[in-house]
Amino acid sequence: MAIRRLDSVGYQIGLLSRLYERRFQDALEGLGVAPGQFAPLVMLFEQDGLTQAALCKRINVEQPTMANTLDRMERDGLVRRQPDPEDRRRATVHLTPRALEMRTAIMDRARKVAGLAVHGFTIAEQEQLFNMLGRIAENLKDK
């Protein structure tokens, strides 16, 4: 028996992910920031000077993915790496003045897309949605 796309959690999440990513990419246009760079930027806005390993853990991505993202962010002038004074084998990642100057614009645009996504939802519906999405994420995490 075939699965109806509209009844498939995986299909719906994939569709929403693609649509959200497209809207977010459009919103970030002109800033020189890609949607995949947003999560590391937010983590660094919260706490500058994290290690690559700390970013991986907080964002839940693999080391090679984060290394590639940070390489692009460094190339684009958003971050710089510095040797960790406590352990020279690792580096800490720091925001550049350019990234710090764009913080408000980046966050405002992110909020606009997030608002668009839940347009027409009551506060109670939004809370319920976030609760359910969080539960789905917990169900799918490695235990």
C-alpha atoms as a PDB file:
ATOM      1  CA  MET A   1       0.000   0.000   0.000  1.00  0.00           C
ATOM      2  CA  ALA A   2       1.424   3.374  -1.017  1.00  0.00           C
ATOM      3  CA  ILE A   3       1.883   6.131   1.519  1.00  0.00           C
ATOM      4  CA  ARG A   4      -0.066   9.274   0.786  1.00  0.00           C
ATOM      5  CA  ARG A   5       2.386  12.160   0.746  1.00  0.00           C
ATOM      6  CA  LEU A   6       0.144  14.410   2.794  1.00  0.00           C
ATOM      7  CA  ASP A   7      -0.120  11.749   5.523  1.00  0.00           C
ATOM      8  CA  SER A   8       3.648  11.228   5.729  1.00  0.00           C
ATOM      9  CA  VAL A   9       5.466  13.056   8.522  1.00  0.00           C
ATOM     10  CA  GLY A  10       8.746  12.687   6.633  1.00  0.00           C
ATOM     11  CA  TYR A  11       7.324  14.142   3.445  1.00  0.00           C
ATOM     12  CA  GLN A  12       5.743  17.092   5.265  1.00  0.00           C
ATOM     13  CA  ILE A  13       8.915  17.876   7.233  1.00  0.00           C
ATOM     14  CA  GLY A  14      11.027  17.666   4.063  1.00  0.00           C
ATOM     15  CA  LEU A  15       8.635  19.920   2.161  1.00  0.00           C
ATOM     16  CA  LEU A  16       8.525  22.459   4.988  1.00  0.00           C
ATOM     17  CA  SER A  17      12.305  22.391   5.252  1.00  0.00           C
ATOM     18  CA  ARG A  18      12.749  23.133   1.540  1.00  0.00           C
ATOM     19  CA  LEU A  19      10.115  25.889   1.520  1.00  0.00           C
ATOM     20  CA  TYR A  20      11.491  27.507   4.676  1.00  0.00           C
ATOM     21  CA  GLU A  21      15.068  27.338   3.377  1.00  0.00           C
ATOM     22  CA  ARG A  22      14.009  29.009   0.108  1.00  0.00           C
ATOM     23  CA  ARG A  23      12.188  31.817   1.924  1.00  0.00           C
ATOM     24  CA  PHE A  24      15.107  32.265   4.296  1.00  0.00           C
ATOM     25  CA  GLN A  25      17.590  32.358   1.427  1.00  0.00           C
ATOM     26  CA  ASP A  26      15.495  35.050  -0.250  1.00  0.00           C
ATOM     27  CA  ALA A  27      15.331  37.011   3.022  1.00  0.00           C
ATOM     28  CA  LEU A  28      19.116  36.894   3.458  1.00  0.00           C
ATOM     29  CA  GLU A  29      19.712  38.068  -0.109  1.00  0.00           C
ATOM     30  CA  GLY A  30      22.151  40.916  -0.285  1.00  0.00           C
ATOM     31  CA  LEU A  31      23.775  40.212   3.081  1.00  0.00           C
ATOM     32  CA  GLY A  32      26.240  37.624   1.812  1.00  0.00           C
ATOM     33  CA  VAL A  33      24.985  35.056   4.316  1.00  0.00           C
ATOM     34  CA  ALA A  34      23.696  31.601   3.364  1.00  0.00           C
ATOM     35  CA  PRO A  35      20.963  29.835   5.351  1.00  0.00           C
ATOM     36  CA  GLY A  36      23.441  27.126   6.393  1.00  0.00           C
ATOM     37  CA  GLN A  37      25.597  29.786   8.034  1.00  0.00           C
ATOM     38  CA  PHE A  38      22.755  31.053  10.207  1.00  0.00           C
ATOM     39  CA  ALA A  39      22.961  28.475  13.020  1.00  0.00           C
ATOM     40  CA  PRO A  40      26.715  28.953  13.610  1.00  0.00           C
ATOM     41  CA  LEU A  41      26.217  32.725  13.515  1.00  0.00           C
ATOM     42  CA  VAL A  42      23.454  32.552  16.124  1.00  0.00           C
ATOM     43  CA  MET A  43      25.606  30.373  18.389  1.00  0.00           C
ATOM     44  CA  LEU A  44      28.498  32.818  18.028  1.00  0.00           C
ATOM     45  CA  PHE A  45      26.193  35.805  18.592  1.00  0.00           C
ATOM     46  CA  GLU A  46      25.278  34.121  21.894  1.00  0.00           C
ATOM     47  CA  GLN A  47      28.866  33.178  22.797  1.00  0.00           C
ATOM     48  CA  ASP A  48      31.754  34.264  20.617  1.00  0.00           C
ATOM     49  CA  GLY A  49      34.930  32.202  20.643  1.00  0.00           C
ATOM     50  CA  LEU A  50      33.460  28.702  20.625  1.00  0.00           C
ATOM     51  CA  THR A  51      35.450  25.783  19.263  1.00  0.00           C
ATOM     52  CA  GLN A  52      34.370  23.892  16.165  1.00  0.00           C
ATOM     53  CA  ALA A  53      33.506  20.904  18.372  1.00  0.00           C
ATOM     54  CA  ALA A  54      31.291  23.070  20.594  1.00  0.00           C
ATOM     55  CA  LEU A  55      29.494  24.448  17.534  1.00  0.00           C
ATOM     56  CA  CYS A  56      28.940  20.914  16.217  1.00  0.00           C
ATOM     57  CA  LYS A  57      27.446  19.805  19.503  1.00  0.00           C
ATOM     58  CA  ARG A  58      25.171  22.827  19.866  1.00  0.00           C
ATOM     59  CA  ILE A  59      23.911  22.671  16.268  1.00  0.00           C
ATOM     60  CA  ASN A  60      23.924  18.864  16.001  1.00  0.00           C
ATOM     61  CA  VAL A  61      26.024  18.561  12.840  1.00  0.00           C
ATOM     62  CA  GLU A  62      29.047  16.452  12.015  1.00  0.00           C
ATOM     63  CA  GLN A  63      32.596  17.829  12.166  1.00  0.00           C
ATOM     64  CA  PRO A  64      33.220  17.709   8.373  1.00  0.00           C
ATOM     65  CA  THR A  65      30.006  19.645   7.710  1.00  0.00           C
ATOM     66  CA  MET A  66      30.940  22.291  10.262  1.00  0.00           C
ATOM     67  CA  ALA A  67      34.504  22.503   8.921  1.00  0.00           C
ATOM     68  CA  ASN A  68      33.178  23.198   5.410  1.00  0.00           C
ATOM     69  CA  THR A  69      30.684  25.756   6.709  1.00  0.00           C
ATOM     70  CA  LEU A  70      33.348  27.558   8.739  1.00  0.00           C
ATOM     71  CA  ASP A  71      35.719  27.522   5.739  1.00  0.00           C
ATOM     72  CA  ARG A  72      33.055  29.299   3.667  1.00  0.00           C
ATOM     73  CA  MET A  73      32.254  31.698   6.490  1.00  0.00           C
ATOM     74  CA  GLU A  74      35.935  32.531   6.855  1.00  0.00           C
ATOM     75  CA  ARG A  75      36.222  33.045   3.091  1.00  0.00           C
ATOM     76  CA  ASP A  76      33.166  35.322   3.215  1.00  0.00           C
ATOM     77  CA  GLY A  77      34.640  37.408   6.022  1.00  0.00           C
ATOM     78  CA  LEU A  78      32.121  36.361   8.686  1.00  0.00           C
ATOM     79  CA  VAL A  79      34.440  34.515  11.091  1.00  0.00           C
ATOM     80  CA  ARG A  80      38.084  34.084  11.849  1.00  0.00           C
ATOM     81  CA  ARG A  81      39.795  31.208  13.612  1.00  0.00           C
ATOM     82  CA  GLN A  82      42.373  31.725  16.335  1.00  0.00           C
ATOM     83  CA  PRO A  83      44.529  29.146  18.103  1.00  0.00           C
ATOM     84  CA  ASP A  84      42.990  28.255  21.446  1.00  0.00           C
ATOM     85  CA  PRO A  85      45.311  29.622  24.148  1.00  0.00           C
ATOM     86  CA  GLU A  86      44.456  26.642  26.390  1.00  0.00           C
ATOM     87  CA  ASP A  87      45.099  23.983  23.717  1.00  0.00           C
ATOM     88  CA  ARG A  88      47.070  24.880  20.591  1.00  0.00           C
ATOM     89  CA  ARG A  89      45.720  21.787  18.781  1.00  0.00           C
ATOM     90  CA  ARG A  90      42.320  23.410  18.409  1.00  0.00           C
ATOM     91  CA  ALA A  91      41.029  26.783  17.337  1.00  0.00           C
ATOM     92  CA  THR A  92      38.313  29.069  18.570  1.00  0.00           C
ATOM     93  CA  VAL A  93      35.920  30.699  16.127  1.00  0.00           C
ATOM     94  CA  HIS A  94      35.296  34.421  16.380  1.00  0.00           C
ATOM     95  CA  LEU A  95      32.905  36.767  14.615  1.00  0.00           C
ATOM     96  CA  THR A  96      34.421  39.457  12.440  1.00  0.00           C
ATOM     97  CA  PRO A  97      33.368  43.104  12.680  1.00  0.00           C
ATOM     98  CA  ARG A  98      31.431  42.540   9.419  1.00  0.00           C
ATOM     99  CA  ALA A  99      29.342  39.754  10.987  1.00  0.00           C
ATOM    100  CA  LEU A 100      28.737  41.807  14.129  1.00  0.00           C
ATOM    101  CA  GLU A 101      27.567  44.772  12.038  1.00  0.00           C
ATOM    102  CA  MET A 102      25.046  42.516  10.262  1.00  0.00           C
ATOM    103  CA  ARG A 103      23.703  40.912  13.441  1.00  0.00           C
ATOM    104  CA  THR A 104      20.554  43.022  13.671  1.00  0.00           C
ATOM    105  CA  ALA A 105      19.744  42.665   9.956  1.00  0.00           C
ATOM    106  CA  ILE A 106      20.294  38.898  10.038  1.00  0.00           C
ATOM    107  CA  MET A 107      18.151  38.386  13.120  1.00  0.00           C
ATOM    108  CA  ASP A 108      15.393  40.730  11.891  1.00  0.00           C
ATOM    109  CA  ARG A 109      15.178  38.842   8.609  1.00  0.00           C
ATOM    110  CA  ALA A 110      15.133  35.492  10.417  1.00  0.00           C
ATOM    111  CA  ARG A 111      12.283  36.698  12.632  1.00  0.00           C
ATOM    112  CA  LYS A 112      10.365  37.888   9.580  1.00  0.00           C
ATOM    113  CA  VAL A 113      10.530  34.445   7.939  1.00  0.00           C
ATOM    114  CA  ALA A 114       9.648  32.727  11.215  1.00  0.00           C
ATOM    115  CA  GLY A 115       6.668  35.049  11.578  1.00  0.00           C
ATOM    116  CA  LEU A 116       5.577  34.303   8.041  1.00  0.00           C
ATOM    117  CA  ALA A 117       5.742  30.573   8.761  1.00  0.00           C
ATOM    118  CA  VAL A 118       3.315  30.819  11.689  1.00  0.00           C
ATOM    119  CA  HIS A 119       1.132  33.587  10.248  1.00  0.00           C
ATOM    120  CA  GLY A 120      -2.476  33.091  11.316  1.00  0.00           C
ATOM    121  CA  PHE A 121      -1.586  30.757  14.197  1.00  0.00           C
ATOM    122  CA  THR A 122      -2.753  31.731  17.653  1.00  0.00           C
ATOM    123  CA  ILE A 123      -0.169  31.912  20.433  1.00  0.00           C
ATOM    124  CA  ALA A 124      -1.582  28.655  21.817  1.00  0.00           C
ATOM    125  CA  GLU A 125      -1.251  26.968  18.410  1.00  0.00           C
ATOM    126  CA  GLN A 126       2.335  28.205  18.094  1.00  0.00           C
ATOM    127  CA  GLU A 127       3.192  26.827  21.534  1.00  0.00           C
ATOM    128  CA  GLN A 128       1.587  23.509  20.645  1.00  0.00           C
ATOM    129  CA  LEU A 129       3.474  23.383  17.338  1.00  0.00           C
ATOM    130  CA  PHE A 130       6.835  24.120  18.991  1.00  0.00           C
ATOM    131  CA  ASN A 131       6.112  21.529  21.660  1.00  0.00           C
ATOM    132  CA  MET A 132       5.309  18.861  19.075  1.00  0.00           C
ATOM    133  CA  LEU A 133       8.324  19.717  16.910  1.00  0.00           C
ATOM    134  CA  GLY A 134      10.541  19.500  19.978  1.00  0.00           C
ATOM    135  CA  ARG A 135       9.105  16.101  20.821  1.00  0.00           C
ATOM    136  CA  ILE A 136       9.723  14.878  17.263  1.00  0.00           C
ATOM    137  CA  ALA A 137      13.324  16.090  17.503  1.00  0.00           C
ATOM    138  CA  GLU A 138      13.776  14.258  20.821  1.00  0.00           C
ATOM    139  CA  ASN A 139      12.322  11.069  19.315  1.00  0.00           C
ATOM    140  CA  LEU A 140      14.812  11.209  16.454  1.00  0.00           C
ATOM    141  CA  LYS A 141      17.942  12.081  18.480  1.00  0.00           C
ATOM    142  CA  ASP A 142      20.589   9.464  19.017  1.00  0.00           C
ATOM    143  CA  LYS A 143      20.080   8.032  22.470  1.00  0.00           C
END
